[in-house]
């Protein structure tokens, strides 16, 4: 396993992190035996960073991970998050503290190595109805009693060692403004073969959301980057290329939907990276991510032992060649068209 340090003084994280979210489903819908077996093997292979959230299975993933680690007698680096919803806007700082304290209890630890705001910053107040938390007005981050005040209180109390937040796209200016405050040490951001805009310029590519090169800005400011959804919600896999059904634990997608057909076509256009290197498409997707020097780690979501072992082998593969990267740039420039 390869390890990458955040800045000059931050923690060293395994290049592959263990994601506990619902897309793969293991930590929410898997059996206790399978959870324990796969986590133990991940630790054996050098994975030292586990990414969680109260939103994953309505707190189930945190509780399950806490039980597994207690059973194994293990204490890897732990990250969890805080979701800020409309009901929390009048008292954000206290909510950040209370939510983190509840996560600590579920995980069975006294301190988080990383805590992240699960909302991405945006320039104008979003329409936050019901359980919505994807975005948060940047003023709610920075104002008195806001998210950043809650983070500062947790740091002073020793309940978290580092803090971060999520990037949701089309938010580059806001992400840079938040990073300039020098409070946060890690961003979570999508950065994939299908949308590389968080780390690479891709003229001609119609990627949907623009992530504004935030991985580069973070690196320049000593901030790490954790890549989530590295397989583009599972479309960057050999199974998806074939149109196979997903693992029963994984979140289902309608493979006949227009968006699914488009993503499978895009995945096919970059599949030469797997085919010509004798690796799986999932491995190629992670290998691409780790090629970027600003990436600290890529978060894997695993349904099976085989999936976890497949991805844990990627850091030893090294970066793609300059010729392969040049071919990839041409695919982007043609917007995935032959």
Protein backbone atom coordinates (compact mmCIF):
# COMPACT_ATOMS: atom_id res chain seq x y z
CA UNK A 1 0.00 0.00 0.00
CA UNK A 2 1.13 3.52 -0.76
CA UNK A 3 0.64 6.33 1.78
CA UNK A 4 0.28 10.02 1.05
CA UNK A 5 0.65 12.82 3.58
CA UNK A 6 -1.69 15.80 3.77
CA UNK A 7 0.55 18.84 3.40
CA UNK A 8 3.83 18.78 5.28
CA UNK A 9 2.50 18.00 8.75
CA UNK A 10 -0.81 16.24 8.26
CA UNK A 11 -1.60 12.53 8.64
CA UNK A 12 -0.42 9.94 6.11
CA UNK A 13 -3.43 8.23 4.52
CA UNK A 14 -3.51 5.01 2.55
CA UNK A 15 -3.90 5.73 -1.18
CA UNK A 16 -7.02 3.55 -1.10
CA UNK A 17 -9.59 4.43 1.54
CA UNK A 18 -12.50 2.30 2.70
CA UNK A 19 -15.82 3.98 1.89
CA UNK A 20 -18.76 2.95 4.06
CA UNK A 21 -21.55 4.49 1.96
CA UNK A 22 -24.68 2.98 0.49
CA UNK A 23 -23.60 2.66 -3.15
CA UNK A 24 -21.70 -0.57 -2.46
CA UNK A 25 -23.79 -1.40 0.57
CA UNK A 26 -21.48 -3.66 2.61
CA UNK A 27 -21.48 -1.59 5.82
CA UNK A 28 -25.24 -1.07 5.64
CA UNK A 29 -26.74 -4.23 4.15
CA UNK A 30 -23.95 -6.81 4.51
CA UNK A 31 -23.89 -9.56 7.13
CA UNK A 32 -21.86 -9.04 10.32
CA UNK A 33 -19.51 -11.88 9.31
CA UNK A 34 -18.82 -10.39 5.87
CA UNK A 35 -18.27 -6.90 7.29
CA UNK A 36 -15.74 -8.17 9.81
CA UNK A 37 -13.96 -10.40 7.31
CA UNK A 38 -13.57 -7.69 4.65
CA UNK A 39 -12.56 -4.93 7.06
CA UNK A 40 -9.95 -7.24 8.61
CA UNK A 41 -8.52 -8.02 5.18
CA UNK A 42 -8.47 -4.33 4.23
CA UNK A 43 -6.48 -3.54 7.36
CA UNK A 44 -4.12 -6.42 6.58
CA UNK A 45 -3.52 -4.97 3.10
CA UNK A 46 -2.62 -1.58 4.59
CA UNK A 47 -5.86 0.39 4.28
CA UNK A 48 -5.75 2.82 7.20
CA UNK A 49 -8.56 5.31 6.41
CA UNK A 50 -12.29 4.65 6.77
CA UNK A 51 -14.81 7.19 5.47
CA UNK A 52 -18.25 7.27 7.07
CA UNK A 53 -21.28 9.49 7.65
CA UNK A 54 -24.49 9.53 9.72
CA UNK A 55 -26.32 9.69 6.39
CA UNK A 56 -25.05 6.24 5.37
CA UNK A 57 -27.95 3.99 6.23
CA UNK A 58 -29.40 6.44 8.77
CA UNK A 59 -26.41 5.98 11.11
CA UNK A 60 -26.24 2.21 10.52
CA UNK A 61 -22.84 2.31 8.78
CA UNK A 62 -21.24 4.17 11.69
CA UNK A 63 -22.65 1.75 14.27
CA UNK A 64 -21.63 -1.28 12.21
CA UNK A 65 -18.09 -0.01 11.68
CA UNK A 66 -17.77 0.74 15.39
CA UNK A 67 -18.78 -2.84 16.24
CA UNK A 68 -16.38 -4.33 13.67
CA UNK A 69 -13.40 -2.31 14.89
CA UNK A 70 -14.15 -3.17 18.50
CA UNK A 71 -14.31 -6.87 17.59
CA UNK A 72 -11.00 -6.63 15.72
CA UNK A 73 -9.32 -4.45 18.35
CA UNK A 74 -8.35 -2.04 15.54
CA UNK A 75 -8.11 1.74 15.46
CA UNK A 76 -7.50 3.02 11.91
CA UNK A 77 -7.92 6.66 10.90
CA UNK A 78 -11.62 7.52 10.98
CA UNK A 79 -13.58 10.16 9.12
CA UNK A 80 -17.22 11.02 9.52
CA UNK A 81 -19.38 13.92 8.45
CA UNK A 82 -22.08 16.37 9.45
CA UNK A 83 -25.16 17.01 7.31
CA UNK A 84 -26.69 20.46 7.72
CA UNK A 85 -30.38 20.66 6.82
CA UNK A 86 -32.98 23.42 6.90
CA UNK A 87 -33.92 22.54 10.48
CA UNK A 88 -30.33 23.24 11.59
CA UNK A 89 -29.87 26.67 10.00
CA UNK A 90 -30.75 28.63 13.13
CA UNK A 91 -28.05 26.92 15.21
CA UNK A 92 -25.48 25.43 12.82
CA UNK A 93 -22.44 25.50 15.11
CA UNK A 94 -24.19 23.60 17.90
CA UNK A 95 -25.56 21.10 15.38
CA UNK A 96 -22.06 20.47 14.03
CA UNK A 97 -20.83 19.74 17.56
CA UNK A 98 -23.83 17.59 18.55
CA UNK A 99 -23.76 15.56 15.33
CA UNK A 100 -20.04 14.87 15.70
CA UNK A 101 -20.45 13.81 19.32
CA UNK A 102 -23.17 11.36 18.25
CA UNK A 103 -20.85 9.94 15.58
CA UNK A 104 -18.14 9.46 18.19
CA UNK A 105 -20.54 7.43 20.33
CA UNK A 106 -21.62 5.23 17.44
CA UNK A 107 -18.03 4.62 16.32
CA UNK A 108 -16.88 3.98 19.89
CA UNK A 109 -14.01 6.49 19.86
CA UNK A 110 -13.21 9.73 21.66
CA UNK A 111 -11.82 11.65 18.69
CA UNK A 112 -12.26 11.66 14.90
CA UNK A 113 -9.11 11.91 12.81
CA UNK A 114 -11.16 13.82 10.23
CA UNK A 115 -14.61 15.40 10.30
CA UNK A 116 -16.16 16.87 7.18
CA UNK A 117 -19.10 19.09 6.40
CA UNK A 118 -21.17 16.99 3.98
CA UNK A 119 -22.65 20.09 2.31
CA UNK A 120 -20.82 21.77 -0.54
CA UNK A 121 -20.47 25.60 -0.43
CA UNK A 122 -22.46 27.66 -2.92
CA UNK A 123 -22.69 31.40 -3.63
CA UNK A 124 -26.44 31.78 -3.01
CA UNK A 125 -28.75 30.16 -0.44
CA UNK A 126 -30.07 26.92 -1.98
CA UNK A 127 -33.64 25.70 -1.67
CA UNK A 128 -33.18 23.41 1.35
CA UNK A 129 -36.42 21.50 1.69
CA UNK A 130 -37.00 18.31 3.64
CA UNK A 131 -33.85 16.22 4.14
CA UNK A 132 -31.80 18.08 1.52
CA UNK A 133 -28.18 18.74 2.50
CA UNK A 134 -26.08 18.60 -0.69
CA UNK A 135 -25.32 22.32 -0.67
CA UNK A 136 -25.04 25.13 1.86
CA UNK A 137 -24.77 28.88 1.35
CA UNK A 138 -21.20 29.96 1.94
CA UNK A 139 -22.48 32.53 4.44
CA UNK A 140 -23.71 29.67 6.59
CA UNK A 141 -20.16 28.34 6.62
CA UNK A 142 -18.52 31.62 7.59
CA UNK A 143 -21.00 33.59 9.71
CA UNK A 144 -21.03 33.73 13.50
CA UNK A 145 -22.63 30.53 14.71
CA UNK A 146 -21.98 28.89 11.36
CA UNK A 147 -20.37 25.62 10.29
CA UNK A 148 -16.81 26.86 10.63
CA UNK A 149 -17.42 28.02 14.20
CA UNK A 150 -18.66 24.52 15.03
CA UNK A 151 -15.54 23.01 13.49
CA UNK A 152 -13.30 25.35 15.50
CA UNK A 153 -15.04 24.37 18.72
CA UNK A 154 -14.51 20.67 17.98
CA UNK A 155 -10.83 21.24 17.23
CA UNK A 156 -10.30 23.18 20.46
CA UNK A 157 -12.08 20.47 22.46
CA UNK A 158 -9.90 17.75 20.92
CA UNK A 159 -12.91 15.89 19.54
CA UNK A 160 -11.55 16.05 15.98
CA UNK A 161 -7.96 16.29 14.75
CA UNK A 162 -8.66 17.63 11.25
CA UNK A 163 -11.60 18.98 9.29
CA UNK A 164 -12.76 19.02 5.70
CA UNK A 165 -15.75 19.51 3.45
CA UNK A 166 -17.36 18.26 0.26
CA UNK A 167 -17.17 19.73 -3.25
CA UNK A 168 -20.32 19.24 -5.32
CA UNK A 169 -19.33 20.88 -8.61
CA UNK A 170 -19.83 24.32 -10.19
CA UNK A 171 -18.45 25.67 -6.91
CA UNK A 172 -14.77 26.31 -7.61
CA UNK A 173 -14.81 29.93 -6.43
CA UNK A 174 -16.57 29.03 -3.19
CA UNK A 175 -14.25 26.08 -2.53
CA UNK A 176 -11.22 28.31 -2.98
CA UNK A 177 -12.70 30.93 -0.63
CA UNK A 178 -13.28 28.31 2.07
CA UNK A 179 -9.78 26.88 1.65
CA UNK A 180 -8.29 30.36 1.96
CA UNK A 181 -9.59 30.45 5.55
CA UNK A 182 -6.96 27.76 6.36
CA UNK A 183 -9.28 25.80 8.63
CA UNK A 184 -9.85 22.71 6.50
CA UNK A 185 -7.26 20.04 5.64
CA UNK A 186 -9.15 17.74 3.23
CA UNK A 187 -11.70 18.09 0.46
CA UNK A 188 -13.84 15.23 -0.83
CA UNK A 189 -14.43 15.61 -4.56
CA UNK A 190 -15.38 13.51 -7.62
CA UNK A 191 -12.48 13.15 -10.08
CA UNK A 192 -13.00 10.43 -12.64
CA UNK A 193 -12.20 9.26 -16.13
CA UNK A 194 -15.62 10.58 -17.13
CA UNK A 195 -15.22 13.98 -15.46
CA UNK A 196 -11.60 15.00 -14.76
CA UNK A 197 -12.29 18.72 -14.24
CA UNK A 198 -11.32 18.68 -10.55
CA UNK A 199 -7.73 17.99 -11.59
CA UNK A 200 -7.27 18.38 -15.34
CA UNK A 201 -8.32 20.86 -17.97
CA UNK A 202 -10.30 19.04 -20.68
CA UNK A 203 -11.18 21.39 -23.58
CA UNK A 204 -14.00 19.99 -25.68
CA UNK A 205 -15.39 17.78 -22.93
CA UNK A 206 -19.02 18.34 -21.96
CA UNK A 207 -18.77 17.01 -18.44
CA UNK A 208 -21.93 18.43 -16.91
CA UNK A 209 -20.58 19.80 -13.64
CA UNK A 210 -17.32 21.74 -13.60
CA UNK A 211 -15.14 21.05 -10.55
CA UNK A 212 -12.87 23.97 -11.35
CA UNK A 213 -9.45 22.40 -10.79
CA UNK A 214 -9.98 22.34 -7.03
CA UNK A 215 -7.57 19.41 -6.54
CA UNK A 216 -4.78 21.60 -7.91
CA UNK A 217 -5.73 24.55 -5.71
CA UNK A 218 -5.92 22.31 -2.66
CA UNK A 219 -2.46 20.86 -3.35
CA UNK A 220 -0.97 24.34 -3.70
CA UNK A 221 -2.38 25.25 -0.28
CA UNK A 222 -1.31 22.11 1.57
CA UNK A 223 -4.80 20.60 1.56
CA UNK A 224 -5.45 16.97 0.69
CA UNK A 225 -8.04 15.58 -1.71
CA UNK A 226 -10.07 12.42 -1.19
CA UNK A 227 -11.85 11.26 -4.34
CA UNK A 228 -15.34 9.86 -3.85
CA UNK A 229 -17.43 7.97 -6.41
CA UNK A 230 -14.23 7.03 -8.29
CA UNK A 231 -16.14 4.56 -10.46
CA UNK A 232 -18.73 7.16 -11.52
CA UNK A 233 -21.47 5.46 -9.49
CA UNK A 234 -20.30 2.05 -10.68
CA UNK A 235 -20.32 2.69 -14.43
CA UNK A 236 -16.54 2.40 -14.68
CA UNK A 237 -16.57 -1.36 -14.19
CA UNK A 238 -16.43 -4.36 -16.50
CA UNK A 239 -19.83 -5.48 -15.22
CA UNK A 240 -21.42 -2.17 -16.20
CA UNK A 241 -19.82 -2.33 -19.67
CA UNK A 242 -21.43 -5.73 -20.19
CA UNK A 243 -24.76 -4.50 -18.84
CA UNK A 244 -24.68 -7.02 -15.97
CA UNK A 245 -26.74 -6.58 -12.85
CA UNK A 246 -24.99 -5.13 -9.84
CA UNK A 247 -24.16 -7.04 -6.70
CA UNK A 248 -27.27 -7.56 -4.51
CA UNK A 249 -25.77 -5.34 -1.77
CA UNK A 250 -25.14 -2.45 -4.18
CA UNK A 251 -27.51 0.35 -5.02
CA UNK A 252 -29.48 -0.52 -8.16
CA UNK A 253 -29.55 1.63 -11.29
CA UNK A 254 -31.82 1.46 -14.32
CA UNK A 255 -29.31 0.40 -16.96
CA UNK A 256 -31.83 1.18 -19.71
CA UNK A 257 -32.16 4.83 -18.70
CA UNK A 258 -30.76 7.41 -21.11
CA UNK A 259 -28.18 8.61 -18.58
CA UNK A 260 -27.02 5.04 -17.93
CA UNK A 261 -26.63 4.33 -21.65
CA UNK A 262 -24.62 7.54 -22.05
CA UNK A 263 -22.29 6.69 -19.18
CA UNK A 264 -21.74 3.16 -20.45
CA UNK A 265 -20.81 4.59 -23.85
CA UNK A 266 -18.35 6.98 -22.20
CA UNK A 267 -16.88 4.16 -20.14
CA UNK A 268 -16.35 2.12 -23.30
CA UNK A 269 -14.41 5.03 -24.82
CA UNK A 270 -11.84 4.97 -21.99
CA UNK A 271 -11.74 1.19 -21.58
CA UNK A 272 -8.53 0.97 -23.65
CA UNK A 273 -6.72 1.93 -20.43
CA UNK A 274 -7.80 -1.38 -18.92
CA UNK A 275 -7.63 -3.56 -22.02
CA UNK A 276 -4.15 -2.50 -23.11
CA UNK A 277 -2.69 -2.70 -19.60
CA UNK A 278 -4.18 -6.08 -18.71
CA UNK A 279 -6.21 -4.77 -15.77
CA UNK A 280 -9.89 -4.31 -14.97
CA UNK A 281 -11.74 -1.13 -15.83
CA UNK A 282 -12.24 -0.44 -12.11
CA UNK A 283 -8.50 -0.72 -11.56
CA UNK A 284 -7.88 1.62 -14.50
CA UNK A 285 -10.28 4.16 -12.98
CA UNK A 286 -8.44 4.16 -9.64
CA UNK A 287 -5.04 4.13 -11.33
CA UNK A 288 -5.99 7.26 -13.26
CA UNK A 289 -7.03 9.03 -10.07
CA UNK A 290 -3.80 8.18 -8.25
CA UNK A 291 -1.76 9.49 -11.19
CA UNK A 292 -2.55 13.02 -10.01
CA UNK A 293 -0.06 14.27 -7.42
CA UNK A 294 -2.74 16.36 -5.69
CA UNK A 295 -4.86 13.32 -4.83
CA UNK A 296 -4.31 11.98 -1.32
CA UNK A 297 -6.54 8.93 -1.65
CA UNK A 298 -9.38 7.40 -3.61
CA UNK A 299 -12.32 6.04 -1.64
CA UNK A 300 -13.43 2.56 -2.61
CA UNK A 301 -16.91 1.27 -1.93
CA UNK A 302 -16.86 -2.51 -1.69
CA UNK A 303 -19.61 -5.13 -1.82
CA UNK A 304 -17.28 -8.14 -1.75
CA UNK A 305 -13.83 -9.26 -0.66
CA UNK A 306 -12.84 -9.67 -4.30
CA UNK A 307 -13.70 -6.05 -5.10
CA UNK A 308 -11.68 -4.78 -2.16
CA UNK A 309 -8.62 -6.87 -3.05
CA UNK A 310 -8.91 -5.82 -6.70
CA UNK A 311 -8.69 -2.13 -5.80
CA UNK A 312 -6.14 -2.51 -3.00
CA UNK A 313 -3.67 -3.74 -5.63
CA UNK A 314 -3.83 -0.52 -7.66
CA UNK A 315 -1.26 1.69 -5.84
CA UNK A 316 1.51 -0.76 -6.75
CA UNK A 317 0.73 -0.32 -10.46
CA UNK A 318 2.13 3.19 -10.73
CA UNK A 319 0.90 5.94 -13.07
CA UNK A 320 -0.15 5.54 -16.69
CA UNK A 321 2.41 6.37 -19.36
CA UNK A 322 2.51 9.80 -20.99
CA UNK A 323 1.27 8.21 -24.24
CA UNK A 324 -1.74 6.70 -22.48
CA UNK A 325 -2.58 10.03 -20.86
CA UNK A 326 -2.27 11.78 -24.22
CA UNK A 327 -4.71 9.30 -25.76
CA UNK A 328 -7.09 9.89 -22.88
CA UNK A 329 -6.90 13.66 -23.44
CA UNK A 330 -7.89 13.07 -27.08
CA UNK A 331 -10.92 11.06 -25.95
CA UNK A 332 -11.99 13.95 -23.73
CA UNK A 333 -11.38 16.50 -26.50
CA UNK A 334 -13.71 14.47 -28.76
CA UNK A 335 -16.27 14.32 -25.94
CA UNK A 336 -16.06 10.50 -25.93
CA UNK A 337 -16.97 10.27 -29.61
CA UNK A 338 -14.91 7.98 -31.84
